[in-house]
Amino acid sequence: MLTTKEAPPPLDVLEPHERESLRALLEARTEPDRLQAAYQLRRVVARAARETSGETFGRFEDELYGALFRAVHHGRTLENRLGGVAALEALIGAPSAEPEGKGSKFADVLSSALRRCCEGDRPSGALKENDARREFVTRCAAALGRLARRGPASSSAHVEVEVSRALAWLDEPLEKRSRYSRKRLAACLVLRELARHAPTLFYARVRPQR
């Protein structure tokens, strides 16, 4: 039996075709191809959960999610970033060694990516163009909505954070809004997705106080 030090790197549990699926996910140029690859990755995670030890699966998750988080935040192309978001959305209900911790990490990554895209005067790199930012923000908002519906019990705290930030962005004085209204667009998209996927939590937060 292999010891921890002798065990292969966690992502070595991937078959060659599964590695190719991960690469294809982060390079897919169309939404259908991206979704197909994302759900293939979900099947890969489910297989790893069944066929590896708890320790190996936990390390596999850490390494896989680390790669996906880097794609969301630092992907060199829009396709890299959208692939990372699609993967997180597809993996919300996948088996996990730490379901609560996974939900919190996903929420933090999506939330911070959306914030970084919308704040600041000069987005650059993969999100330099208006259309790219719009598509990225739309997909992040959709993933946050799905996480609120299917994530762990702790999702209620994340819903409150997102609703509070969205309302604050909408309430900013006109002169403080960005040239392309990035915050306002993101706020509307996030509120729409949370109202759709977690209506009870959403309306409890926005209901007027008597």
Protein backbone atom coordinates (compact mmCIF):
# COMPACT_ATOMS: atom_id res chain seq x y z
CA MET A 1 0.00 0.00 0.00
CA LEU A 2 1.33 3.44 -0.90
CA THR A 3 2.02 5.88 1.90
CA THR A 4 0.90 9.51 1.64
CA LYS A 5 4.35 10.54 0.42
CA GLU A 6 4.42 7.75 -2.16
CA ALA A 7 0.90 8.42 -3.44
CA PRO A 8 0.64 9.92 -6.94
CA PRO A 9 -0.37 13.56 -7.34
CA PRO A 10 -4.16 13.92 -6.89
CA LEU A 11 -4.95 14.80 -10.51
CA ASP A 12 -3.19 11.61 -11.60
CA VAL A 13 -6.46 9.82 -10.81
CA LEU A 14 -7.73 11.36 -14.07
CA GLU A 15 -7.77 9.16 -17.15
CA PRO A 16 -6.17 10.68 -20.28
CA HIS A 17 -9.56 11.40 -21.85
CA GLU A 18 -10.67 13.07 -18.62
CA ARG A 19 -7.65 15.36 -18.68
CA GLU A 20 -8.59 16.22 -22.25
CA SER A 21 -12.14 17.04 -21.09
CA LEU A 22 -10.78 19.45 -18.50
CA ARG A 23 -8.61 21.15 -21.11
CA ALA A 24 -11.55 21.33 -23.51
CA LEU A 25 -13.72 22.90 -20.81
CA LEU A 26 -11.30 25.77 -20.29
CA GLU A 27 -10.95 26.38 -24.02
CA ALA A 28 -14.54 25.85 -25.23
CA ARG A 29 -15.68 28.70 -27.44
CA THR A 30 -19.45 28.07 -27.34
CA GLU A 31 -21.84 27.73 -24.42
CA PRO A 32 -23.16 24.25 -25.45
CA ASP A 33 -19.61 22.88 -25.69
CA ARG A 34 -18.75 24.51 -22.36
CA LEU A 35 -21.78 23.00 -20.60
CA GLN A 36 -21.16 19.55 -22.04
CA ALA A 37 -17.55 19.62 -20.84
CA ALA A 38 -18.56 20.95 -17.42
CA TYR A 39 -20.98 18.11 -16.80
CA GLN A 40 -18.41 15.61 -18.03
CA LEU A 41 -16.12 17.01 -15.33
CA ARG A 42 -18.90 16.47 -12.78
CA ARG A 43 -18.99 12.78 -13.73
CA VAL A 44 -15.21 12.66 -13.31
CA VAL A 45 -15.52 14.05 -9.77
CA ALA A 46 -18.26 11.54 -8.94
CA ARG A 47 -16.04 8.69 -10.15
CA ALA A 48 -13.11 9.95 -8.09
CA ALA A 49 -15.35 10.10 -5.01
CA ARG A 50 -16.36 6.46 -5.53
CA GLU A 51 -13.00 4.99 -6.44
CA THR A 52 -10.44 6.77 -4.28
CA SER A 53 -9.84 7.03 -0.55
CA GLY A 54 -11.25 9.96 1.39
CA GLU A 55 -7.80 11.48 1.80
CA THR A 56 -6.92 11.16 -1.88
CA PHE A 57 -10.30 12.51 -2.95
CA GLY A 58 -9.90 15.50 -0.64
CA ARG A 59 -6.51 16.30 -2.14
CA PHE A 60 -7.91 15.77 -5.63
CA GLU A 61 -10.68 18.30 -4.90
CA ASP A 62 -8.23 20.84 -3.53
CA GLU A 63 -6.03 20.62 -6.62
CA LEU A 64 -8.90 20.59 -9.10
CA TYR A 65 -10.74 23.47 -7.48
CA GLY A 66 -7.53 25.44 -7.17
CA ALA A 67 -7.09 25.14 -10.95
CA LEU A 68 -10.71 26.20 -11.55
CA PHE A 69 -10.46 29.15 -9.14
CA ARG A 70 -7.35 30.36 -10.96
CA ALA A 71 -9.18 30.09 -14.28
CA VAL A 72 -12.07 32.21 -12.96
CA HIS A 73 -9.80 34.91 -11.53
CA HIS A 74 -6.76 34.87 -13.78
CA GLY A 75 -7.69 33.08 -17.02
CA ARG A 76 -5.84 34.62 -19.94
CA THR A 77 -8.87 34.40 -22.22
CA LEU A 78 -12.59 34.91 -21.76
CA GLU A 79 -13.06 31.21 -22.59
CA ASN A 80 -10.77 30.23 -19.69
CA ARG A 81 -12.79 32.31 -17.27
CA LEU A 82 -16.20 31.22 -18.52
CA GLY A 83 -15.04 27.60 -18.44
CA GLY A 84 -14.07 27.99 -14.79
CA VAL A 85 -17.45 29.48 -13.92
CA ALA A 86 -19.30 26.74 -15.84
CA ALA A 87 -17.32 24.09 -13.98
CA LEU A 88 -18.13 25.56 -10.57
CA GLU A 89 -21.80 25.76 -11.47
CA ALA A 90 -21.87 22.14 -12.66
CA LEU A 91 -20.05 20.94 -9.53
CA ILE A 92 -22.36 22.58 -6.99
CA GLY A 93 -24.22 19.33 -6.35
CA ALA A 94 -21.29 16.99 -6.95
CA PRO A 95 -19.90 14.77 -4.16
CA SER A 96 -17.42 16.52 -1.88
CA ALA A 97 -15.17 15.66 1.02
CA GLU A 98 -16.31 18.92 2.69
CA PRO A 99 -19.69 20.06 1.28
CA GLU A 100 -20.04 23.11 3.53
CA GLY A 101 -16.51 24.27 2.88
CA LYS A 102 -16.91 23.75 -0.86
CA GLY A 103 -20.07 25.85 -0.96
CA SER A 104 -18.40 28.70 0.90
CA LYS A 105 -15.33 28.61 -1.35
CA PHE A 106 -17.46 28.61 -4.49
CA ALA A 107 -19.50 31.56 -3.24
CA ASP A 108 -16.39 33.51 -2.26
CA VAL A 109 -14.68 32.92 -5.61
CA LEU A 110 -17.73 33.84 -7.70
CA SER A 111 -18.52 36.87 -5.54
CA SER A 112 -14.98 38.23 -5.59
CA ALA A 113 -14.66 37.62 -9.34
CA LEU A 114 -17.85 39.56 -9.98
CA ARG A 115 -16.72 42.38 -7.70
CA ARG A 116 -13.29 42.65 -9.30
CA CYS A 117 -14.87 42.74 -12.75
CA CYS A 118 -17.21 45.59 -11.81
CA GLU A 119 -15.03 47.77 -9.62
CA GLY A 120 -12.16 49.87 -10.91
CA ASP A 121 -12.04 52.14 -13.91
CA ARG A 122 -10.03 50.08 -16.37
CA PRO A 123 -10.62 46.32 -16.50
CA SER A 124 -7.94 44.66 -18.58
CA GLY A 125 -6.89 41.36 -20.06
CA ALA A 126 -9.64 38.84 -20.83
CA LEU A 127 -12.32 41.23 -19.55
CA LYS A 128 -11.17 44.36 -21.30
CA GLU A 129 -14.06 44.48 -23.79
CA ASN A 130 -17.58 45.45 -22.74
CA ASP A 131 -19.18 42.35 -24.27
CA ALA A 132 -16.71 40.08 -22.47
CA ARG A 133 -17.42 41.72 -19.12
CA ARG A 134 -21.16 41.47 -19.70
CA GLU A 135 -20.99 37.77 -20.51
CA PHE A 136 -18.72 37.03 -17.57
CA VAL A 137 -20.92 38.93 -15.10
CA THR A 138 -24.03 37.21 -16.45
CA ARG A 139 -22.55 33.76 -15.93
CA CYS A 140 -21.22 34.59 -12.44
CA ALA A 141 -24.66 35.85 -11.41
CA ALA A 142 -26.31 32.69 -12.74
CA ALA A 143 -23.86 30.50 -10.83
CA LEU A 144 -24.45 32.45 -7.61
CA GLY A 145 -28.19 31.96 -8.05
CA ARG A 146 -27.85 28.23 -8.54
CA LEU A 147 -25.53 28.00 -5.56
CA ALA A 148 -28.16 29.73 -3.41
CA ARG A 149 -30.72 27.11 -4.47
CA ARG A 150 -28.61 23.95 -4.33
CA GLY A 151 -25.73 24.86 -2.06
CA PRO A 152 -25.30 24.05 1.66
CA ALA A 153 -27.33 25.58 4.48
CA SER A 154 -24.71 28.29 4.86
CA SER A 155 -25.85 29.70 1.50
CA SER A 156 -28.32 31.94 3.33
CA ALA A 157 -25.43 34.05 4.60
CA HIS A 158 -24.07 34.43 1.09
CA VAL A 159 -27.49 35.44 -0.23
CA GLU A 160 -27.63 38.21 2.35
CA VAL A 161 -24.17 39.44 1.37
CA GLU A 162 -24.99 39.46 -2.34
CA VAL A 163 -28.35 41.16 -1.91
CA SER A 164 -26.84 43.82 0.35
CA ARG A 165 -24.04 44.57 -2.11
CA ALA A 166 -26.41 44.65 -5.10
CA LEU A 167 -28.75 47.08 -3.37
CA ALA A 168 -25.80 49.25 -2.33
CA TRP A 169 -24.56 49.37 -5.93
CA LEU A 170 -28.00 50.39 -7.17
CA ASP A 171 -28.19 53.08 -4.51
CA GLU A 172 -24.88 54.74 -5.37
CA PRO A 173 -25.09 58.39 -6.49
CA LEU A 174 -25.08 58.75 -10.25
CA GLU A 175 -21.70 60.47 -10.37
CA LYS A 176 -20.05 57.48 -8.68
CA ARG A 177 -21.28 54.91 -11.18
CA SER A 178 -18.81 53.62 -13.74
CA ARG A 179 -18.89 54.78 -17.31
CA TYR A 180 -20.40 51.53 -18.54
CA SER A 181 -22.68 50.96 -15.54
CA ARG A 182 -20.94 47.71 -14.71
CA LYS A 183 -22.09 47.70 -11.10
CA ARG A 184 -25.67 48.48 -11.98
CA LEU A 185 -25.85 45.69 -14.54
CA ALA A 186 -24.26 43.18 -12.17
CA ALA A 187 -26.60 44.21 -9.35
CA CYS A 188 -29.68 43.67 -11.50
CA LEU A 189 -28.45 40.30 -12.74
CA VAL A 190 -27.60 39.06 -9.25
CA LEU A 191 -30.93 40.17 -7.81
CA ARG A 192 -32.79 38.50 -10.68
CA GLU A 193 -30.98 35.19 -10.19
CA LEU A 194 -31.40 35.18 -6.42
CA ALA A 195 -35.10 36.00 -6.72
CA ARG A 196 -35.48 33.14 -9.20
CA HIS A 197 -33.50 30.49 -7.34
CA ALA A 198 -33.88 31.43 -3.65
CA PRO A 199 -37.11 33.45 -3.42
CA THR A 200 -37.68 32.86 0.29
CA LEU A 201 -34.22 34.07 1.26
CA PHE A 202 -34.35 36.88 -1.28
CA TYR A 203 -37.70 38.37 -0.29
CA ALA A 204 -36.91 38.07 3.41
CA ARG A 205 -33.96 40.38 2.75
CA VAL A 206 -35.61 42.95 0.46
CA ARG A 207 -39.08 43.09 2.06
CA PRO A 208 -39.75 46.64 3.31
CA GLN A 209 -39.77 47.02 7.07
CA ARG A 210 -43.06 48.27 8.54
